Every structure is written in structure tokens, then in C-alpha cells.
Amino acid sequence: MYRTVLFAALANLLALALAPVASAANLNVVASFSIIADLAKNVGGDRVEITTIVGSDGDAHVYEPRPADAVSMGKADVVLVNGLGFEGFLSRLVASSATTAPVVEVSRGVAPLNLSDEPAGHAHPEAEAEHGSAFDPHAWQAIANAEIYVKNIADAFCAADKAGCATYTANSTVYLAKLQALDSDVKTAVAAIAPEKRVIITSHDAFGYFENAYGLQFLAPEGMSTESEASAADVARLADQVKREKASAIFIENITDERLVRQIAAETGLTVGGTLYSDALSTADGPAATYIDMVRHNIETIKTAVQGS
């Protein structure tokens, strides 16, 4: 009898000791797309369960939510989104899900690039107005901005799960150090590229923040959104600019149709330098399965292509 009572008491104490961990492990997080999901995973660790709306190689610009997405969002404790007009589907999905979770824009605090202030060669068709923003939404392409995302995610998790706040803070500190090292590596890689080889072409205009932070120049036939299609005049104008500015290479993006890129390459004589990851990570077995992998893959792909040109 004594042993039974003692065992029950010990079991109750163990359950109480583990209760905060079990509760935190069930913190239900919905991330709007794969890059935010990866950042959240690094902050949350084992204390969070993450559902990603737009997954690997997915295009959030044209994504149409499914009923399952509304169900997931309705059950969420925290919803993480980019903001800056990136997720065109967001307002409809939030409304249909009837979620009571906080919808956190992880780009809060970023200094956004105004589309009207970006240099020539960046295509901004009228379709950008459909996203309801005058700003370039691809802020994660500058690692310093990804650091802001991480801090906002940690704050959101701490607010939702106070018992886990020390863990989220510690995880984010470790991850921020990795991002700072990555930022230094990218700057070193760009410095090794000759200035005359720093003009390159991509499918759509997703690398403005990278350009602003690191000194490469990106030209694109499409605008911020892949919903907009480049006209024949856009392609001809870009081909003239490529020749005038002596672009070094052209790249496919994982979320866009490669036919336009190959057309421009054929018309300009540029070499297709490989695939860059802009708005989505690769699958788990691909070269850009995490945010850090994505940035390293992109800069190494660019560096290899332009130095061989």
C-alpha cells in the first residue's frame, strides 16, 4: 500500500515537473511560408509544432488557400506572416479560419524598400498594386532583416508561452550568432567578385534587399509578384540593358517558369548560371532546405557562375 501511494505521489510530481514542457511542446504555430517556418523552428525548437501554409518550392504570390489551411489557422496559438503585402491570400484565409490567435508580422521593424525608390532595371508593373503595398516584401533577403524576423518570432513565442521564454531567448541568441557569421561570409564572397561582374539577371524582382545590403545588382523581367508576366517590350528592354551593362549571368528561380530565363539567355548570349532560391526553400533533400542553406547556396551559385564568365 505504502509503495502504491509513494509511486502515485512520485508520478504526480513528475507530471507537474513536465507540465510546462508538454504544454510548450504543443504551442501550435502556423507560418505563412517555408522561410518563416524555418526561422520559427530555430527559435522554438522542440517546444513548438509548426504548420506551413506555402511549403517548399511553393509560390506565395499565387497560392490559393485550401480548406485544410483554414482549419490549421483556426487551431493556431500563433500565426506568423511576413507582411509588407507579400501574402496576397492572407486576409481571406484569416477571415475564413476565424482564428483567435495573434497574427504576427515578423517583418515589423524592418526598414522597407519603397518600390518607387529602387533603381532602374527593377520591374514594377501595375499588378503590384494588387498586393496593397508600396514596398518590396522580400525583406528576408538581407540577413540583417532576417535577424529582426527572429527577434519578432522570439517575442511572439514568449508572449504565447511565458514558461518557455527562456528557451526561446536562448535559442534565438544561438541562431542570431549563426546569422551574423553568415552575413560576414556573404560580404566576403561578394568582395571576391570583380565589380564589373556584379550585374546579374533573375526571373522576378526578389533580390532588392540583397542588392541593397551586399552590392550586387539584380535585373529582372518580372516585377515583385510572379503573378505579373513580362511583356515582349519588357524582355526587349531588359535584353538591351543586359548588353549595355554587361551582365555576367542569368539565373532561374525555384518558384518561376524557366522558359522566360532561357529566352533571355538565348537573346543575349548569357549563360544560365543555375537556380536561385528566392521566396521558398527547397525540399529537405535539396540544396536550400534551411534559410542558412538557401543564402549559402545562392551566393555560391552566383559566385561560381560569374567568375566563370
Foldseek 3Di string as FASTA:
>chain_A
DVVVVVVVVVVVVVCVVCVLQVQQLDQQEEEAAAQLQQLLCLLSPNRYDYDYQAYFLGAQLPDDGDPVLLCSQQPHQEYEYQDQLRRLCPVVSCVSSVHPHDYFNLLPPPPFDFPVPDDPQADDDPCVCSSVHRTQRLQVLQLVSVLSSLVSSLVSSCVSRVVCSVSSVVSSVVVVVVSVVLNVVLLVLLVPFPLLAQEEEEAEDQNRNVCVSRPGHYGYQHHSGPVDDRDPVSLVVSLVVCVVSVHQAYEYESNHDCPSVVVSCVSNVHYHLYYAYGRRAHPPPDQGSHPSSRSVVRSVSSSVRRVVD
